[in-house]
Amino acid sequence: MSYYLKLPNKLTYSQMSKKVILVLVAFAVWSVVSWRWYTCGVKGFCGGDAVAAPTNNDMIQPETATQFPLLFSWSSSDPITSTRFSTLRDSLSNEVGANEALTIVGYYTEAEENVSNFANLGFARAQQVKQLLSTQMDTSQITTAAELLASSETMQNSPFEGVGFSVVPVIPENAEVVELDDRTIIYFPFGSSNPEQSEAINQYLTQLAERLNDSDQTVVITGHTDDVGEEQPNQQLGLERANIVKNILTKRGISVERISANSAGEDQPIATNDTEVGRKKNRRIELMVNN
């Protein structure tokens, strides 16, 4: 059965509160660090949809730890919450729509001692936070993942941001075309080199060609892969997939000068590569139509 799905994409930035200028140095430092946490940790925006992993410079000093809603100590999966955690929890709950899911990424290092029942402390930390959020959110809308970081002395001596968050669309397993506000995702039958064999994809490309023929709009097609195999072959594979769609559109009358095909390879996953379901979601074509 063909599956054509249109989903909202409503992630928005929240404004930081203006701080009183009287305590210049203390509040300047606090504002910069708090903005990073709220924008990346809560909203999932760090130059993209996913949350960037903290660097050594993001580690929190003990005297400012209470300014952060959620931190972790070295070799521990037990969350350290402050009075700000309820605000974080409510914000995350409000951000996740009916057709969306929250991904919690737990960060860990190889140097930490893992005494949990999970494969690593990243998964353990993410699972602990999932439990904390369960009082406000449906846990079926929460997924967990883990990301390995380089260890640092700072992390060993002071609490650090051990998790990140991102809100992603929920894509049914049999979905072939998913329309978001800013782009369209195509999962064509990768056992075949002809996505037109899918009724839903053929219908979408027909409508897109008609739209482009009636306008001066251009389209950018980006191929994506999972992380199986080497990076350079995956880069080439993503480009080949993008060019397949580009050729279909040119055959339907769209000038080649109006179509840009490129590849992100394995560098921009929208799901975990640790499972087959996640890898399938990462093997995709994304189209963006520009005015």
Protein backbone atom coordinates (compact mmCIF):
# COMPACT_ATOMS: atom_id res chain seq x y z
CA MET A 1 0.00 0.00 0.00
CA SER A 2 1.28 3.43 -0.88
CA TYR A 3 1.49 5.92 1.96
CA TYR A 4 1.40 9.69 1.52
CA LEU A 5 1.73 11.70 4.73
CA LYS A 6 1.72 15.44 5.39
CA LEU A 7 3.08 16.52 8.76
CA PRO A 8 3.57 19.88 10.50
CA ASN A 9 6.99 21.22 11.39
CA LYS A 10 6.45 23.72 14.19
CA LEU A 11 9.70 24.04 16.06
CA THR A 12 10.16 27.65 17.11
CA TYR A 13 12.74 29.57 19.10
CA SER A 14 11.82 30.89 22.56
CA GLN A 15 12.94 34.32 23.60
CA MET A 16 15.46 34.64 26.42
CA SER A 17 14.42 36.87 29.32
CA LYS A 18 16.12 40.24 29.53
CA LYS A 19 18.44 40.46 32.47
CA VAL A 20 19.00 43.40 34.74
CA ILE A 21 22.29 45.10 33.83
CA LEU A 22 23.34 45.85 37.44
CA VAL A 23 25.32 42.62 37.90
CA LEU A 24 27.16 42.83 34.59
CA VAL A 25 29.78 40.11 34.77
CA ALA A 26 27.76 37.44 36.57
CA PHE A 27 24.64 37.89 34.49
CA ALA A 28 26.54 38.16 31.19
CA VAL A 29 28.09 34.74 31.75
CA TRP A 30 24.78 33.31 32.94
CA SER A 31 22.89 34.67 29.91
CA VAL A 32 25.27 33.20 27.36
CA VAL A 33 25.31 29.74 28.95
CA SER A 34 21.55 29.71 29.63
CA TRP A 35 20.77 30.74 26.03
CA ARG A 36 22.78 27.80 24.74
CA TRP A 37 21.00 25.35 27.00
CA TYR A 38 17.51 26.64 26.21
CA THR A 39 18.06 26.90 22.45
CA CYS A 40 20.00 23.64 22.00
CA GLY A 41 18.90 21.57 24.95
CA VAL A 42 15.21 22.47 25.01
CA LYS A 43 14.39 23.56 21.49
CA GLY A 44 16.69 21.26 19.57
CA PHE A 45 18.20 24.04 17.41
CA CYS A 46 21.97 24.18 17.02
CA GLY A 47 22.25 25.00 13.36
CA GLY A 48 19.86 22.14 12.53
CA ASP A 49 17.15 19.90 13.89
CA ALA A 50 19.34 17.86 16.13
CA VAL A 51 21.01 18.89 19.37
CA ALA A 52 24.75 19.36 19.26
CA ALA A 53 26.77 17.41 21.79
CA PRO A 54 28.38 19.50 24.52
CA THR A 55 32.05 20.37 24.21
CA ASN A 56 34.58 20.84 26.99
CA ASN A 57 33.69 24.54 27.10
CA ASP A 58 30.06 23.65 27.87
CA MET A 59 30.88 21.92 31.15
CA ILE A 60 29.19 23.57 34.12
CA GLN A 61 30.99 24.89 37.14
CA PRO A 62 29.50 23.92 40.54
CA GLU A 63 28.63 27.51 41.45
CA THR A 64 26.40 27.86 38.36
CA ALA A 65 24.92 24.35 38.37
CA THR A 66 21.66 25.50 39.95
CA GLN A 67 21.02 27.66 36.87
CA PHE A 68 20.55 24.50 34.78
CA PRO A 69 17.49 22.26 34.98
CA LEU A 70 19.26 18.97 34.33
CA LEU A 71 22.88 17.86 34.79
CA PHE A 72 24.87 14.68 35.41
CA SER A 73 27.98 13.76 37.35
CA TRP A 74 30.88 11.68 36.09
CA SER A 75 30.15 7.92 35.92
CA SER A 76 26.58 8.47 37.09
CA SER A 77 23.25 8.05 35.32
CA ASP A 78 21.32 9.76 38.13
CA PRO A 79 19.97 13.16 36.98
CA ILE A 80 20.74 16.26 39.03
CA THR A 81 17.65 18.47 38.75
CA SER A 82 17.12 22.02 39.91
CA THR A 83 13.95 24.04 40.45
CA ARG A 84 14.13 24.88 36.73
CA PHE A 85 13.44 21.29 35.69
CA SER A 86 9.65 21.68 35.78
CA THR A 87 9.94 24.53 33.27
CA LEU A 88 12.06 22.36 30.99
CA ARG A 89 9.63 19.45 31.31
CA ASP A 90 6.61 21.63 30.50
CA SER A 91 8.39 23.22 27.54
CA LEU A 92 9.31 19.86 26.04
CA SER A 93 5.77 18.57 26.55
CA ASN A 94 4.32 21.59 24.74
CA GLU A 95 6.75 21.26 21.83
CA VAL A 96 5.81 17.70 20.86
CA GLY A 97 2.76 17.54 18.60
CA ALA A 98 0.48 14.63 17.78
CA ASN A 99 2.59 13.50 14.81
CA GLU A 100 5.95 14.17 16.44
CA ALA A 101 8.29 12.48 18.88
CA LEU A 102 10.94 13.65 21.33
CA THR A 103 14.38 12.11 20.99
CA ILE A 104 16.56 12.17 24.12
CA VAL A 105 20.25 11.72 23.34
CA GLY A 106 22.35 10.64 26.29
CA TYR A 107 26.04 11.59 26.17
CA TYR A 108 28.76 9.38 27.60
CA THR A 109 32.51 8.79 27.47
CA GLU A 110 34.53 5.60 27.29
CA ALA A 111 36.47 6.62 30.39
CA GLU A 112 33.39 6.57 32.64
CA GLU A 113 32.57 3.50 34.71
CA ASN A 114 29.23 2.05 33.64
CA VAL A 115 27.48 0.20 36.47
CA SER A 116 24.03 0.46 34.87
CA ASN A 117 22.15 -2.32 33.10
CA PHE A 118 22.46 -0.48 29.78
CA ALA A 119 25.11 -0.87 27.10
CA ASN A 120 26.53 2.55 28.02
CA LEU A 121 25.82 5.51 30.28
CA GLY A 122 24.36 7.46 27.36
CA PHE A 123 21.38 5.14 27.10
CA ALA A 124 21.14 4.96 30.89
CA ARG A 125 21.02 8.76 31.20
CA ALA A 126 18.48 9.10 28.39
CA GLN A 127 16.26 6.45 29.99
CA GLN A 128 16.39 8.19 33.37
CA VAL A 129 15.30 11.46 31.80
CA LYS A 130 12.52 9.64 29.93
CA GLN A 131 11.20 8.45 33.29
CA LEU A 132 11.31 11.99 34.65
CA LEU A 133 9.29 13.25 31.69
CA SER A 134 6.73 10.44 31.91
CA THR A 135 4.63 12.41 34.40
CA GLN A 136 3.85 14.98 31.69
CA MET A 137 4.33 13.11 28.42
CA ASP A 138 3.20 9.92 26.73
CA THR A 139 6.35 7.78 26.74
CA SER A 140 5.33 6.29 23.37
CA GLN A 141 6.29 9.70 21.96
CA ILE A 142 9.78 9.53 23.48
CA THR A 143 12.74 7.70 21.96
CA THR A 144 16.25 7.41 23.38
CA ALA A 145 19.68 7.33 21.79
CA ALA A 146 23.32 7.57 22.90
CA GLU A 147 26.29 9.56 21.63
CA LEU A 148 29.95 9.05 22.54
CA LEU A 149 31.96 12.11 23.61
CA ALA A 150 35.65 12.66 24.27
CA SER A 151 36.30 12.79 28.01
CA SER A 152 37.81 15.78 29.78
CA GLU A 153 39.11 16.59 33.23
CA THR A 154 36.42 19.24 33.60
CA MET A 155 33.68 16.65 33.15
CA GLN A 156 35.22 14.51 35.87
CA ASN A 157 35.26 17.38 38.37
CA SER A 158 31.96 19.20 37.79
CA PRO A 159 28.40 18.45 36.62
CA PHE A 160 27.82 18.58 32.87
CA GLU A 161 24.98 18.50 30.36
CA GLY A 162 24.55 14.76 29.89
CA VAL A 163 21.57 14.80 27.52
CA GLY A 164 20.23 16.70 24.52
CA PHE A 165 16.77 16.89 22.96
CA SER A 166 15.27 17.13 19.49
CA VAL A 167 11.71 16.99 18.16
CA VAL A 168 11.27 14.94 14.99
CA PRO A 169 8.29 13.91 12.85
CA VAL A 170 6.87 10.46 13.43
CA ILE A 171 7.12 8.65 10.11
CA PRO A 172 5.07 5.47 9.71
CA GLU A 173 7.10 2.47 8.66
CA ASN A 174 5.33 2.22 5.30
CA ALA A 175 5.46 5.94 4.50
CA GLU A 176 6.91 6.75 1.07
CA VAL A 177 6.30 10.50 0.80
CA VAL A 178 6.26 12.79 3.85
CA GLU A 179 5.55 16.49 3.34
CA LEU A 180 6.82 18.89 6.01
CA ASP A 181 6.47 22.67 6.03
CA ASP A 182 9.98 23.27 4.70
CA ARG A 183 10.80 20.10 2.74
CA THR A 184 9.50 16.80 1.41
CA ILE A 185 11.06 13.45 2.33
CA ILE A 186 10.93 10.59 -0.16
CA TYR A 187 11.63 6.96 0.70
CA PHE A 188 11.63 5.18 -2.63
CA PRO A 189 11.97 1.40 -2.99
CA PHE A 190 15.71 1.10 -2.64
CA GLY A 191 15.70 -2.41 -4.07
CA SER A 192 14.79 -0.66 -7.31
CA SER A 193 16.43 2.23 -9.14
CA ASN A 194 13.03 3.53 -10.26
CA PRO A 195 11.04 5.40 -7.57
CA GLU A 196 8.21 5.85 -10.10
CA GLN A 197 7.25 2.26 -9.36
CA SER A 198 5.69 3.64 -6.17
CA GLU A 199 2.20 5.07 -6.77
CA ALA A 200 2.58 7.67 -3.98
CA ILE A 201 6.00 8.85 -5.18
CA ASN A 202 4.92 8.95 -8.82
CA GLN A 203 1.90 11.03 -7.83
CA TYR A 204 4.03 13.46 -5.82
CA LEU A 205 6.64 13.92 -8.57
CA THR A 206 3.87 14.48 -11.13
CA GLN A 207 2.33 17.20 -8.98
CA LEU A 208 5.75 18.74 -8.30
CA ALA A 209 6.58 18.86 -12.02
CA GLU A 210 3.24 20.55 -12.75
CA ARG A 211 3.92 23.07 -9.99
CA LEU A 212 7.40 23.85 -11.31
CA ASN A 213 6.16 24.15 -14.90
CA ASP A 214 3.67 26.80 -13.78
CA SER A 215 6.25 28.85 -11.86
CA ASP A 216 9.84 30.06 -11.78
CA GLN A 217 10.62 28.06 -8.64
CA THR A 218 13.74 25.96 -8.28
CA VAL A 219 14.24 22.74 -6.39
CA VAL A 220 17.15 21.39 -4.33
CA ILE A 221 17.38 17.61 -4.03
CA THR A 222 19.63 16.11 -1.36
CA GLY A 223 20.42 12.43 -1.02
CA HIS A 224 21.00 10.88 2.40
CA THR A 225 22.24 7.48 3.57
CA ASP A 226 22.67 5.51 6.76
CA ASP A 227 26.15 5.06 8.25
CA VAL A 228 26.70 1.49 7.05
CA GLY A 229 29.90 1.33 5.00
CA GLU A 230 32.56 3.95 4.33
CA GLU A 231 31.89 7.69 4.35
CA GLN A 232 32.99 8.46 0.78
CA PRO A 233 30.96 5.67 -0.91
CA ASN A 234 27.92 6.80 1.11
CA GLN A 235 28.48 10.35 -0.13
CA GLN A 236 28.44 9.07 -3.71
CA LEU A 237 25.41 6.87 -3.07
CA GLY A 238 23.45 9.85 -1.75
CA LEU A 239 24.30 11.81 -4.90
CA GLU A 240 23.21 8.94 -7.14
CA ARG A 241 19.84 8.82 -5.41
CA ALA A 242 19.39 12.57 -5.76
CA ASN A 243 20.23 12.40 -9.45
CA ILE A 244 17.59 9.71 -10.01
CA VAL A 245 14.88 12.13 -8.90
CA LYS A 246 16.52 14.99 -10.81
CA ASN A 247 16.40 12.96 -14.03
CA ILE A 248 12.72 12.13 -13.49
CA LEU A 249 11.88 15.83 -13.19
CA THR A 250 13.90 16.80 -16.28
CA LYS A 251 12.08 14.13 -18.28
CA ARG A 252 8.84 15.82 -17.21
CA GLY A 253 9.90 19.14 -18.68
CA ILE A 254 11.77 20.89 -15.87
CA SER A 255 14.94 22.66 -17.02
CA VAL A 256 18.09 21.10 -15.59
CA GLU A 257 19.26 24.60 -14.58
CA ARG A 258 16.39 24.80 -12.09
CA ILE A 259 17.30 21.57 -10.29
CA SER A 260 20.23 21.19 -7.90
CA ALA A 261 21.24 17.68 -6.83
CA ASN A 262 23.68 17.08 -4.01
CA SER A 263 24.50 14.65 -1.22
CA ALA A 264 24.83 14.82 2.54
CA GLY A 265 25.83 11.17 2.68
CA GLU A 266 25.63 9.84 6.22
CA ASP A 267 26.20 13.21 7.92
CA GLN A 268 22.59 14.29 8.58
CA PRO A 269 20.65 11.38 10.12
CA ILE A 270 17.08 11.98 11.29
CA ALA A 271 16.97 8.77 13.32
CA THR A 272 19.37 6.47 15.12
CA ASN A 273 21.59 4.25 12.98
CA ASP A 274 21.63 1.63 15.74
CA THR A 275 18.46 -0.09 14.48
CA GLU A 276 17.23 -1.19 11.06
CA VAL A 277 14.13 0.99 11.42
CA GLY A 278 16.32 4.02 12.12
CA ARG A 279 18.68 3.25 9.25
CA LYS A 280 15.71 2.94 6.89
CA LYS A 281 14.55 6.44 7.86
CA ASN A 282 18.01 7.83 7.17
CA ARG A 283 18.09 6.36 3.64
CA ARG A 284 16.09 9.08 1.96
CA ILE A 285 15.79 11.93 -0.54
CA GLU A 286 14.85 15.44 0.66
CA LEU A 287 13.44 18.09 -1.69
CA MET A 288 13.23 21.80 -0.96
CA VAL A 289 11.34 24.09 -3.35
CA ASN A 290 12.62 27.70 -3.44
CA ASN A 291 10.77 30.72 -4.75
